[in-house]
Amino acid sequence: MGQKDEAMRPLGAQISHMLKSRGVDVIFGIPGVHNVEMYRGIEEAGITHVLARHEQGAGFMADGYARASGKPGVAYVITGPGLCNIMTPLGQAYSDSVSVLTISSCLDEHVGHRGQLHQMKDQRAAAATVCDWSEEARTPRAAYDLIDRAFTEFESQRPRSKHIQVPIGLLGTMAPEAPEISQNYEDDLRRADGRIGAREVSYFLEKAKKPVFIFGGGLTTPKSENGGMPPNELYVRDLIRRSGAAAFMTYAGCGLLEADNPLNFGTYLGRSESKRILNDSDLVIAIGTELSECDLWRDELGHGGILARVDIDPEVLVDRHRADIKVLADGLQFVCGLLEQLPQEAASPKWDEAEIAAAKKRFLAEADAERPGIAVICAALADVMPEDAMIFSDMTQFAYVAKEVWPMPFSGHWHHPTGFGTLGYALPASIGGAMARRDAPTVCIAGDYGFQYTVQELGAAVEMKLPIPILLWDNHKLKEIEDSMVESQIAPNAVVALNPDFCKLAESYGCLATEPATLEELQDALSKAFDADRPTMIRMTAALS
């Protein structure tokens, strides 16, 4: 069927209309003279645009939106510096398996014409270093095909950030509308059938005397809109009940198991003693996790028996851990396949529950000793935190402790820049998360130094009237780096910076602000912040503990 004449629009406008037809409701970005044509069709398409103060903020917002909504996050940026500024968020999304699509403008020609505004030697190749792929669309059809390729791969493969650039001249060229959707984007397109691999693993699970599961972020999903328990958690929790196995969760997998489950070792996989525990096991089944440095904080897992790996990424299955059994499959399908092989009734625990409880007490004590005073503050906050709150944290000592000790009731509700490990993530990511969940509580946790990387995004949060509590841990320095220097017998250097008055700074953007003096005042401040019509800065110090 041919395109109707009245369907012709500038390509930049057609791209926004196409994104809307693919389910995009929000775009994060900054307009400029090079990408102005991309802004022609945003409002007409019915898409909300969030104006970031820096392209890095736009990228983190798209990341937070994707994590909170389960849909791709989209950002618009300009040629050259705009793309360079968003490369850190693209690297973070790549590392943490987040569906982020950045669309940028690019020069029509950059080889024979030097000295152009925003010129780079090879913009496409630069973005490719931090993305799954980076491609240039030189025709309208190529732009449409690349967008559909990105959305299809977000659904069918391990999610990774992607970049599409479109020449400035082409963005303003009249183009037909994009083709209709050729597939149902809600379908699960995972190629491998996890039930096949589950049959093999179930044999070893039945024979094992002390099996351990490691549940990773590949199994998580945000709580459903109707408030019900996500199926992932129902199946994972049933798997522990019917297998009698114990389990660890990675930081990204926190919340998959109930905090008080007697067979749950928690998110303490990075503790050195976990190596001994895994060595005592005769079967370790790791599902949906890279078992990366940031999961283990050591070079090896430490298992003494059989290691089975389940992942949708074949690269993970042949990594340094050298799994004995490799299953290329979606984690949830695999869990369902295992459940089909197990009896319906609860199995007798294959681990001593008292020993697990004692180990968790030791882990908590270690975490508190390493970074004193934070665990008690976490406990106070967790007591009054809404059950469905979604938390976005930054690289800060407060979050390092919280990720281990905080009892999350659901999976997919704590988001941290784990792999790439950038500073400045939490505030803009929480903005993106709040845009995805306008009627649900969203929380930002940041440290005093990293917060200043993206502090300007307070303006965007106020403009969008987002009631985000900003829990700012202010220890007046780069304390984690100072501790590292001391441990390495280096005289602490360059770890103290002049801080602003964070409450006054927040108020200057139009935020509310408070400095609680007690844990009770902190709890009250958090509860009130959710009912506000704007963000609330809540400054926390060690004096609270």
Protein backbone atom coordinates (compact mmCIF):
# COMPACT_ATOMS: atom_id res chain seq x y z
CA MET A 1 0.00 0.00 0.00
CA GLY A 2 1.49 3.37 -0.97
CA GLN A 3 1.83 6.34 1.35
CA LYS A 4 -0.75 9.10 1.06
CA ASP A 5 0.45 12.59 0.13
CA GLU A 6 -0.99 14.09 3.31
CA ALA A 7 1.15 11.69 5.36
CA MET A 8 4.33 13.45 4.24
CA ARG A 9 6.20 15.34 6.97
CA PRO A 10 9.80 16.32 7.63
CA LEU A 11 11.69 13.20 8.70
CA GLY A 12 12.44 14.64 12.15
CA ALA A 13 8.70 14.89 12.82
CA GLN A 14 8.03 11.45 11.36
CA ILE A 15 10.52 9.92 13.77
CA SER A 16 8.58 11.25 16.77
CA HIS A 17 5.30 9.94 15.32
CA MET A 18 6.92 6.56 14.75
CA LEU A 19 8.20 6.41 18.32
CA LYS A 20 4.72 7.21 19.59
CA SER A 21 3.29 4.33 17.54
CA ARG A 22 5.89 2.06 19.15
CA GLY A 23 4.74 2.99 22.66
CA VAL A 24 7.04 5.91 23.51
CA ASP A 25 5.25 8.46 25.72
CA VAL A 26 8.22 10.43 27.08
CA ILE A 27 11.42 11.72 25.46
CA PHE A 28 14.30 13.24 27.43
CA GLY A 29 16.67 15.67 25.80
CA ILE A 30 17.91 19.12 24.90
CA PRO A 31 17.10 20.90 21.62
CA GLY A 32 19.77 22.65 19.59
CA VAL A 33 20.20 24.17 16.17
CA HIS A 34 21.35 20.82 14.75
CA ASN A 35 18.48 18.67 16.01
CA VAL A 36 15.70 21.27 15.95
CA GLU A 37 13.83 19.30 13.26
CA MET A 38 13.52 16.40 15.70
CA TYR A 39 11.44 18.69 17.90
CA ARG A 40 8.93 19.62 15.19
CA GLY A 41 6.68 16.61 15.78
CA ILE A 42 6.99 15.82 19.49
CA GLU A 43 3.89 17.64 20.74
CA GLU A 44 1.90 16.77 17.62
CA ALA A 45 2.66 13.10 18.25
CA GLY A 46 1.40 13.39 21.82
CA ILE A 47 4.76 12.77 23.49
CA THR A 48 5.87 14.51 26.69
CA HIS A 49 9.34 16.04 26.49
CA VAL A 50 11.45 16.50 29.64
CA LEU A 51 14.05 19.24 29.26
CA ALA A 52 17.29 18.15 30.88
CA ARG A 53 19.93 20.67 31.99
CA HIS A 54 22.75 18.55 30.57
CA GLU A 55 22.82 15.67 28.10
CA GLN A 56 24.26 13.44 30.82
CA GLY A 57 21.10 14.08 32.80
CA ALA A 58 18.94 13.28 29.76
CA GLY A 59 20.67 9.94 29.34
CA PHE A 60 20.29 8.97 32.99
CA MET A 61 16.63 10.04 32.87
CA ALA A 62 16.05 7.73 29.90
CA ASP A 63 17.83 4.97 31.83
CA GLY A 64 15.65 5.49 34.92
CA TYR A 65 12.50 5.58 32.79
CA ALA A 66 13.44 2.29 31.13
CA ARG A 67 14.18 0.55 34.42
CA ALA A 68 10.97 1.76 36.04
CA SER A 69 8.61 1.21 33.11
CA GLY A 70 10.06 -1.86 31.42
CA LYS A 71 9.89 0.09 28.14
CA PRO A 72 12.77 1.66 26.21
CA GLY A 73 13.96 5.07 27.36
CA VAL A 74 14.56 7.54 24.54
CA ALA A 75 16.79 10.62 24.45
CA TYR A 76 17.29 13.32 21.79
CA VAL A 77 20.66 15.11 21.61
CA ILE A 78 22.64 17.26 19.22
CA THR A 79 25.73 16.59 17.14
CA GLY A 80 29.19 16.48 18.73
CA PRO A 81 29.23 17.68 22.34
CA GLY A 82 25.62 16.62 22.90
CA LEU A 83 26.44 13.07 21.97
CA CYS A 84 29.72 13.14 23.90
CA ASN A 85 27.89 14.31 27.02
CA ILE A 86 25.43 11.42 26.86
CA MET A 87 28.07 8.76 26.30
CA THR A 88 28.53 8.15 30.04
CA PRO A 89 24.84 7.25 30.50
CA LEU A 90 25.02 5.10 27.36
CA GLY A 91 27.97 3.25 28.88
CA GLN A 92 26.03 2.78 32.11
CA ALA A 93 22.98 1.45 30.27
CA TYR A 94 25.17 -0.93 28.27
CA SER A 95 26.85 -2.22 31.42
CA ASP A 96 23.60 -2.68 33.35
CA SER A 97 21.54 -4.11 30.46
CA VAL A 98 19.09 -1.21 30.12
CA SER A 99 17.04 -0.40 27.00
CA VAL A 100 18.13 3.14 26.13
CA LEU A 101 17.91 4.56 22.61
CA THR A 102 19.66 7.82 21.82
CA ILE A 103 18.86 9.58 18.56
CA SER A 104 21.19 12.40 17.57
CA SER A 105 21.77 14.66 14.63
CA CYS A 106 25.05 14.49 12.72
CA LEU A 107 26.81 16.55 10.09
CA ASP A 108 25.84 15.94 6.49
CA GLU A 109 29.52 15.71 5.58
CA HIS A 110 32.54 15.71 7.88
CA VAL A 111 35.52 14.57 5.82
CA GLY A 112 36.11 17.27 3.23
CA HIS A 113 34.75 20.22 5.18
CA ARG A 114 36.61 21.11 8.35
CA GLY A 115 35.76 23.69 11.00
CA GLN A 116 32.02 23.03 11.15
CA LEU A 117 29.99 23.62 14.30
CA HIS A 118 30.02 20.58 16.63
CA GLN A 119 32.34 18.65 14.30
CA MET A 120 33.92 15.35 15.36
CA LYS A 121 36.30 13.13 13.44
CA ASP A 122 33.98 10.13 13.73
CA GLN A 123 30.90 10.65 15.87
CA ARG A 124 29.31 7.31 15.04
CA ALA A 125 32.43 5.36 16.00
CA ALA A 126 32.80 7.29 19.24
CA ALA A 127 29.33 6.30 20.40
CA ALA A 128 29.96 2.69 19.33
CA THR A 129 32.55 2.35 22.11
CA VAL A 130 29.83 2.55 24.79
CA CYS A 131 26.80 1.11 22.95
CA ASP A 132 25.62 -2.19 21.60
CA TRP A 133 25.76 -0.48 18.23
CA SER A 134 25.88 2.97 16.70
CA GLU A 135 24.61 3.51 13.15
CA GLU A 136 23.90 6.37 10.75
CA ALA A 137 20.63 6.55 8.82
CA ARG A 138 21.14 8.10 5.38
CA THR A 139 17.57 7.64 4.16
CA PRO A 140 14.16 7.85 5.86
CA ARG A 141 13.66 4.12 5.42
CA ALA A 142 17.01 3.43 7.05
CA ALA A 143 16.00 5.55 10.04
CA TYR A 144 12.75 3.63 10.40
CA ASP A 145 14.48 0.28 10.01
CA LEU A 146 17.09 1.14 12.63
CA ILE A 147 14.45 2.23 15.14
CA ASP A 148 12.50 -0.98 14.63
CA ARG A 149 15.73 -2.97 14.86
CA ALA A 150 16.52 -1.33 18.19
CA PHE A 151 13.05 -1.97 19.63
CA THR A 152 13.03 -5.56 18.41
CA GLU A 153 16.43 -6.26 19.93
CA PHE A 154 15.38 -4.66 23.22
CA GLU A 155 12.66 -7.34 23.40
CA SER A 156 14.49 -10.32 21.93
CA GLN A 157 18.05 -10.00 23.25
CA ARG A 158 19.90 -8.78 26.28
CA PRO A 159 18.95 -5.08 26.50
CA ARG A 160 21.82 -2.74 25.65
CA SER A 161 22.05 0.97 24.80
CA LYS A 162 21.93 1.89 21.11
CA HIS A 163 22.60 5.05 19.10
CA ILE A 164 21.14 6.26 15.81
CA GLN A 165 22.37 9.42 14.12
CA VAL A 166 20.59 11.22 11.29
CA PRO A 167 22.19 13.90 9.08
CA ILE A 168 20.92 17.42 9.72
CA GLY A 169 19.77 17.91 6.13
CA LEU A 170 17.90 14.61 6.08
CA LEU A 171 15.99 15.49 9.27
CA GLY A 172 14.35 18.41 7.45
CA THR A 173 13.61 16.47 4.27
CA MET A 174 9.99 15.58 3.55
CA ALA A 175 9.45 11.88 4.13
CA PRO A 176 6.57 9.39 4.17
CA GLU A 177 5.34 8.13 7.50
CA ALA A 178 6.98 5.07 9.02
CA PRO A 179 5.66 1.60 8.19
CA GLU A 180 3.05 0.10 10.45
CA ILE A 181 4.23 -2.10 13.28
CA SER A 182 5.06 -5.47 11.79
CA GLN A 183 5.06 -7.38 15.07
CA ASN A 184 3.58 -7.28 18.52
CA TYR A 185 6.15 -5.57 20.71
CA GLU A 186 4.52 -7.06 23.80
CA ASP A 187 5.41 -10.59 22.70
CA ASP A 188 8.25 -12.41 24.40
CA LEU A 189 10.71 -12.98 21.57
CA ARG A 190 13.30 -14.94 23.50
CA ARG A 191 14.66 -17.54 21.11
CA ALA A 192 15.74 -20.27 23.48
CA ASP A 193 13.33 -22.48 25.41
CA GLY A 194 14.48 -22.57 29.01
CA ARG A 195 12.43 -25.67 29.76
CA ILE A 196 14.77 -27.84 27.71
CA GLY A 197 17.85 -26.91 29.76
CA ALA A 198 15.81 -27.12 32.95
CA ARG A 199 15.25 -30.83 32.46
CA GLU A 200 19.00 -31.47 32.54
CA VAL A 201 19.61 -29.23 35.55
CA SER A 202 16.69 -30.74 37.47
CA TYR A 203 18.49 -34.09 37.53
CA PHE A 204 21.46 -32.57 39.34
CA LEU A 205 19.18 -30.51 41.59
CA GLU A 206 17.38 -33.65 42.74
CA LYS A 207 20.67 -35.39 43.58
CA ALA A 208 22.38 -32.39 45.24
CA LYS A 209 22.74 -32.38 49.01
CA LYS A 210 23.43 -28.65 49.43
CA PRO A 211 22.31 -26.78 46.29
CA VAL A 212 22.51 -22.99 46.07
CA PHE A 213 20.80 -20.67 43.61
CA ILE A 214 22.21 -17.27 42.68
CA PHE A 215 19.41 -15.05 41.39
CA GLY A 216 20.45 -12.05 39.31
CA GLY A 217 18.93 -8.96 37.74
CA GLY A 218 17.90 -10.93 34.68
CA LEU A 219 15.01 -12.29 36.74
CA THR A 220 13.71 -8.99 38.08
CA THR A 221 10.74 -6.95 37.00
CA PRO A 222 8.97 -3.93 38.55
CA LYS A 223 5.78 -4.57 40.51
CA SER A 224 2.76 -4.78 38.22
CA GLU A 225 0.49 -1.75 37.79
CA ASN A 226 -2.42 -3.53 39.45
CA GLY A 227 -0.33 -4.02 42.57
CA GLY A 228 0.03 -7.77 42.25
CA MET A 229 3.19 -9.76 42.85
CA PRO A 230 5.28 -10.03 39.65
CA PRO A 231 5.28 -13.61 38.32
CA ASN A 232 9.07 -13.72 38.49
CA GLU A 233 9.01 -13.44 42.26
CA LEU A 234 6.16 -15.90 42.68
CA TYR A 235 8.04 -18.52 40.68
CA VAL A 236 11.43 -17.84 42.28
CA ARG A 237 10.00 -18.05 45.78
CA ASP A 238 8.10 -21.21 44.88
CA LEU A 239 11.33 -22.70 43.49
CA ILE A 240 13.07 -22.31 46.85
CA ARG A 241 10.06 -23.75 48.68
CA ARG A 242 9.85 -26.82 46.43
CA SER A 243 13.59 -27.47 46.03
CA GLY A 244 14.85 -26.92 49.59
CA ALA A 245 17.85 -25.08 48.15
CA ALA A 246 19.38 -21.96 49.65
CA ALA A 247 19.97 -18.81 47.62
CA PHE A 248 21.95 -15.63 47.25
CA MET A 249 20.71 -12.63 45.31
CA THR A 250 22.98 -10.23 43.47
CA TYR A 251 22.53 -6.52 44.12
CA ALA A 252 20.45 -6.30 40.95
CA GLY A 253 18.37 -9.28 42.07
CA CYS A 254 17.48 -7.90 45.51
CA GLY A 255 13.84 -8.43 46.41
CA LEU A 256 13.36 -11.65 44.46
CA LEU A 257 13.19 -13.54 47.75
CA GLU A 258 11.53 -12.42 50.96
CA ALA A 259 14.03 -10.90 53.38
CA ASP A 260 12.84 -13.24 56.16
CA ASN A 261 12.97 -16.42 54.05
CA PRO A 262 15.07 -18.80 56.20
CA LEU A 263 16.88 -20.13 53.10
CA ASN A 264 17.78 -16.67 51.82
CA PHE A 265 21.44 -15.64 52.30
CA GLY A 266 20.47 -12.16 51.06
CA THR A 267 22.50 -9.85 48.84
CA TYR A 268 25.77 -10.67 50.57
CA LEU A 269 27.38 -12.44 47.63
CA GLY A 270 30.22 -9.90 47.73
CA ARG A 271 31.16 -10.91 51.28
CA SER A 272 34.33 -13.02 51.47
CA GLU A 273 32.60 -15.71 53.54
CA SER A 274 30.19 -16.38 50.68
CA LYS A 275 33.11 -18.06 48.90
CA ARG A 276 33.31 -20.63 51.71
CA ILE A 277 29.56 -21.18 51.61
CA LEU A 278 29.58 -21.74 47.86
CA ASN A 279 32.54 -24.08 48.23
CA ASP A 280 30.46 -26.16 50.66
CA SER A 281 27.73 -26.49 48.05
CA ASP A 282 27.76 -29.39 45.60
CA LEU A 283 25.60 -27.51 43.03
CA VAL A 284 25.43 -23.79 42.25
CA ILE A 285 22.80 -22.59 39.75
CA ALA A 286 23.31 -18.96 38.67
CA ILE A 287 20.39 -17.46 36.75
CA GLY A 288 20.42 -14.10 34.99
CA THR A 289 23.70 -12.80 36.38
CA GLU A 290 27.13 -12.05 34.96
CA LEU A 291 28.83 -12.94 38.25
CA SER A 292 30.89 -9.87 37.53
CA GLU A 293 33.52 -8.12 39.62
CA CYS A 294 30.79 -5.84 40.92
CA ASP A 295 28.74 -8.85 42.04
CA LEU A 296 31.55 -10.75 43.76
CA TRP A 297 34.36 -8.28 44.56
CA ARG A 298 36.80 -11.14 43.98
CA ASP A 299 38.24 -12.92 40.97
CA GLU A 300 36.48 -16.23 41.38
CA LEU A 301 33.08 -17.44 42.53
CA GLY A 302 34.59 -20.04 44.84
CA HIS A 303 32.24 -22.93 44.12
CA GLY A 304 33.42 -26.43 44.92
CA GLY A 305 30.82 -28.47 43.04
CA ILE A 306 28.95 -28.25 39.75
CA LEU A 307 28.23 -24.78 38.36
CA ALA A 308 25.23 -24.29 36.08
CA ARG A 309 24.75 -20.94 34.30
CA VAL A 310 21.50 -19.71 32.74
CA ASP A 311 21.55 -16.54 30.66
CA ILE A 312 20.26 -15.03 27.41
CA ASP A 313 23.77 -13.79 26.59
CA PRO A 314 26.07 -16.51 25.21
CA GLU A 315 29.14 -14.46 26.18
CA VAL A 316 28.25 -14.91 29.85
CA LEU A 317 28.13 -18.69 29.50
CA VAL A 318 31.76 -18.97 28.43
CA ASP A 319 33.35 -16.50 30.82
CA ARG A 320 36.14 -17.09 33.33
CA HIS A 321 33.89 -19.02 35.72
CA ARG A 322 33.74 -21.91 33.25
CA ALA A 323 30.30 -23.33 33.97
CA ASP A 324 29.85 -27.10 33.83
CA ILE A 325 26.30 -26.74 32.50
CA LYS A 326 25.40 -23.87 30.15
CA VAL A 327 21.80 -22.97 29.33
CA LEU A 328 21.17 -20.22 26.77
CA ALA A 329 17.66 -19.18 27.76
CA ASP A 330 15.45 -16.61 29.40
CA GLY A 331 15.75 -16.95 33.17
CA LEU A 332 12.03 -16.96 33.89
CA GLN A 333 11.41 -19.69 31.31
CA PHE A 334 14.13 -21.74 32.93
CA VAL A 335 12.65 -21.30 36.42
CA CYS A 336 9.24 -22.35 35.11
CA GLY A 337 10.88 -25.38 33.51
CA LEU A 338 12.46 -26.39 36.80
CA LEU A 339 9.14 -26.03 38.61
CA GLU A 340 7.57 -28.43 36.11
CA GLN A 341 10.11 -31.04 37.19
CA LEU A 342 9.63 -30.60 40.95
CA PRO A 343 6.92 -31.99 43.25
CA GLN A 344 4.21 -29.52 44.24
CA GLU A 345 4.72 -29.95 47.96
CA ALA A 346 7.38 -28.12 49.94
CA ALA A 347 10.73 -29.87 50.19
CA SER A 348 12.71 -30.32 53.37
CA PRO A 349 15.41 -27.64 53.67
CA LYS A 350 18.78 -28.88 52.46
CA TRP A 351 20.64 -26.27 54.50
CA ASP A 352 20.72 -25.58 58.23
CA GLU A 353 18.47 -22.54 58.60
CA ALA A 354 20.13 -21.54 61.88
CA GLU A 355 23.51 -21.44 60.14
CA ILE A 356 22.08 -19.19 57.41
CA ALA A 357 20.62 -16.83 60.02
CA ALA A 358 23.95 -16.70 61.86
CA ALA A 359 25.83 -15.99 58.64
CA LYS A 360 23.50 -13.09 57.81
CA LYS A 361 24.10 -11.59 61.26
CA ARG A 362 27.84 -11.76 60.65
CA PHE A 363 27.43 -10.17 57.22
CA LEU A 364 25.39 -7.31 58.70
CA ALA A 365 27.95 -6.75 61.43
CA GLU A 366 30.74 -6.62 58.83
CA ALA A 367 28.85 -4.08 56.72
CA ASP A 368 28.22 -1.90 59.77
CA ALA A 369 31.83 -2.13 60.93
CA GLU A 370 33.21 -1.16 57.53
CA ARG A 371 31.03 1.95 57.22
CA PRO A 372 29.75 2.69 60.74
CA GLY A 373 26.38 4.26 61.47
CA ILE A 374 24.72 3.76 58.09
CA ALA A 375 22.92 0.46 58.75
CA VAL A 376 20.81 1.89 61.57
CA ILE A 377 19.72 4.80 59.37
CA CYS A 378 18.80 2.34 56.62
CA ALA A 379 16.68 0.37 59.08
CA ALA A 380 14.84 3.50 60.18
CA LEU A 381 14.12 4.53 56.58
CA ALA A 382 13.06 1.04 55.54
CA ASP A 383 10.51 0.97 58.38
CA VAL A 384 8.55 3.90 56.89
CA MET A 385 9.33 3.45 53.20
CA PRO A 386 6.20 2.68 51.13
CA GLU A 387 6.20 -0.92 50.00
CA ASP A 388 6.04 0.00 46.32
CA ALA A 389 8.71 2.71 46.46
CA MET A 390 11.33 2.61 43.72
CA ILE A 391 14.81 3.69 44.76
CA PHE A 392 17.57 5.10 42.56
CA SER A 393 20.97 5.33 44.23
CA ASP A 394 24.33 6.82 43.36
CA MET A 395 27.90 5.74 44.01
CA THR A 396 28.02 6.60 47.71
CA GLN A 397 28.88 4.79 50.93
CA PHE A 398 25.28 5.02 52.06
CA ALA A 399 24.14 3.03 49.03
CA TYR A 400 26.96 0.50 49.36
CA VAL A 401 25.66 -0.43 52.80
CA ALA A 402 21.98 -0.13 51.90
CA LYS A 403 22.25 -2.51 48.95
CA GLU A 404 23.28 -5.24 51.36
CA VAL A 405 21.16 -4.55 54.43
CA TRP A 406 17.93 -3.00 53.10
CA PRO A 407 15.05 -5.56 53.04
CA MET A 408 13.40 -4.91 49.67
CA PRO A 409 9.86 -6.38 49.43
CA PHE A 410 9.92 -6.55 45.62
CA SER A 411 12.49 -7.02 42.89
CA GLY A 412 13.22 -4.41 40.23
CA HIS A 413 12.73 -1.58 42.72
CA TRP A 414 16.32 -0.68 43.59
CA HIS A 415 18.43 0.72 40.76
CA HIS A 416 22.12 1.47 41.05
CA PRO A 417 24.87 2.26 38.48
CA THR A 418 26.56 -1.04 39.21
CA GLY A 419 28.77 -1.89 36.27
CA PHE A 420 30.05 1.31 34.69
CA GLY A 421 29.93 2.87 38.14
CA THR A 422 29.38 6.50 37.24
CA LEU A 423 28.69 9.32 39.67
CA GLY A 424 25.70 11.59 39.22
CA TYR A 425 23.26 8.83 38.30
CA ALA A 426 20.66 8.92 41.05
CA LEU A 427 18.94 12.30 40.65
CA PRO A 428 18.27 12.25 36.89
CA ALA A 429 17.50 8.52 36.93
CA SER A 430 14.93 9.08 39.67
CA ILE A 431 13.36 11.80 37.52
CA GLY A 432 13.03 9.33 34.67
CA GLY A 433 11.66 6.72 37.05
CA ALA A 434 9.12 9.15 38.48
CA MET A 435 7.97 10.10 34.98
CA ALA A 436 7.31 6.42 34.32
CA ARG A 437 5.39 6.00 37.60
CA ARG A 438 3.64 9.33 38.20
CA ASP A 439 1.35 7.93 40.89
CA ALA A 440 3.91 5.76 42.69
CA PRO A 441 6.66 6.76 45.15
CA THR A 442 10.18 7.30 43.80
CA VAL A 443 13.28 7.98 45.92
CA CYS A 444 16.74 9.36 45.17
CA ILE A 445 19.76 8.41 47.32
CA ALA A 446 22.99 10.31 46.63
CA GLY A 447 26.24 11.31 48.24
CA ASP A 448 27.37 14.89 48.69
CA TYR A 449 30.10 14.73 46.03
CA GLY A 450 28.41 12.69 43.31
CA PHE A 451 25.17 14.65 43.70
CA GLN A 452 26.95 17.72 42.36
CA TYR A 453 27.63 16.00 39.03
CA THR A 454 23.98 16.44 38.05
CA VAL A 455 22.57 18.80 40.69
CA GLN A 456 21.23 21.07 37.95
CA GLU A 457 18.56 18.49 37.13
CA LEU A 458 16.70 19.70 40.22
CA GLY A 459 15.26 22.24 37.81
CA ALA A 460 13.73 19.52 35.65
CA ALA A 461 12.30 17.75 38.71
CA VAL A 462 10.64 20.96 39.92
CA GLU A 463 9.28 21.76 36.46
CA MET A 464 7.67 18.32 36.25
CA LYS A 465 6.32 18.65 39.83
CA LEU A 466 7.81 15.35 40.94
CA PRO A 467 7.54 14.59 44.70
CA ILE A 468 10.91 12.88 44.95
CA PRO A 469 12.56 12.63 48.39
CA ILE A 470 16.28 13.25 47.84
CA LEU A 471 18.14 11.47 50.63
CA LEU A 472 21.54 13.16 50.55
CA TRP A 473 24.33 11.50 52.54
CA ASP A 474 26.70 14.35 53.44
CA ASN A 475 29.99 13.27 55.00
CA HIS A 476 31.82 16.33 53.67
CA LYS A 477 34.32 14.33 51.61
CA LEU A 478 34.99 11.46 49.23
CA LYS A 479 34.97 9.10 52.19
CA GLU A 480 35.17 5.86 50.22
CA ILE A 481 38.27 7.10 48.39
CA GLU A 482 39.80 8.34 51.63
CA ASP A 483 39.26 4.92 53.21
CA SER A 484 40.85 3.27 50.18
CA MET A 485 43.89 5.51 50.44
CA VAL A 486 44.31 4.76 54.13
CA GLU A 487 43.97 1.03 53.48
CA SER A 488 46.65 1.33 50.78
CA GLN A 489 48.89 3.27 53.18
CA ILE A 490 48.60 6.46 51.12
CA ALA A 491 48.25 9.76 52.94
CA PRO A 492 44.71 10.95 52.10
CA ASN A 493 44.90 13.50 49.30
CA ALA A 494 42.30 15.35 47.20
CA VAL A 495 39.36 13.83 49.07
CA VAL A 496 37.93 16.95 50.75
CA ALA A 497 35.93 19.47 48.71
CA LEU A 498 34.06 22.64 49.60
CA ASN A 499 30.37 21.79 49.77
CA PRO A 500 27.52 24.24 49.28
CA ASP A 501 24.63 24.56 51.70
CA PHE A 502 22.66 21.79 50.04
CA CYS A 503 19.32 22.79 51.52
CA LYS A 504 19.64 26.40 50.39
CA LEU A 505 20.85 25.22 46.98
CA ALA A 506 17.80 22.98 46.63
CA GLU A 507 15.49 25.79 47.74
CA SER A 508 16.99 28.08 45.10
CA TYR A 509 15.67 25.64 42.47
CA GLY A 510 12.23 25.66 44.10
CA CYS A 511 12.59 22.43 46.10
CA LEU A 512 11.61 21.87 49.70
CA ALA A 513 14.47 21.13 52.09
CA THR A 514 15.06 19.86 55.61
CA GLU A 515 17.90 18.65 57.86
CA PRO A 516 16.53 16.10 60.37
CA ALA A 517 18.33 15.92 63.70
CA THR A 518 17.01 12.50 64.81
CA LEU A 519 15.95 9.25 63.21
CA GLU A 520 12.34 10.03 64.10
CA GLU A 521 12.58 13.39 62.34
CA LEU A 522 14.15 11.65 59.35
CA GLN A 523 11.26 9.20 59.14
CA ASP A 524 8.76 12.04 59.37
CA ALA A 525 10.56 14.03 56.68
CA LEU A 526 10.54 11.07 54.30
CA SER A 527 6.83 10.44 54.80
CA LYS A 528 5.94 14.09 54.22
CA ALA A 529 8.11 14.30 51.10
CA PHE A 530 5.90 11.81 49.25
CA ASP A 531 2.89 14.10 49.73
CA ALA A 532 4.63 17.25 48.46
CA ASP A 533 4.12 18.86 45.06
CA ARG A 534 7.86 19.04 44.33
CA PRO A 535 11.15 17.36 45.32
CA THR A 536 12.34 17.52 48.93
CA MET A 537 16.02 17.70 49.84
CA ILE A 538 16.64 15.64 53.02
CA ARG A 539 20.21 16.11 54.19
CA MET A 540 21.54 13.23 56.29
CA THR A 541 24.78 13.10 58.29
CA ALA A 542 26.48 10.61 60.57
CA ALA A 543 25.05 12.50 63.55
CA LEU A 544 21.71 10.77 62.91
CA SER A 545 23.11 7.46 64.08
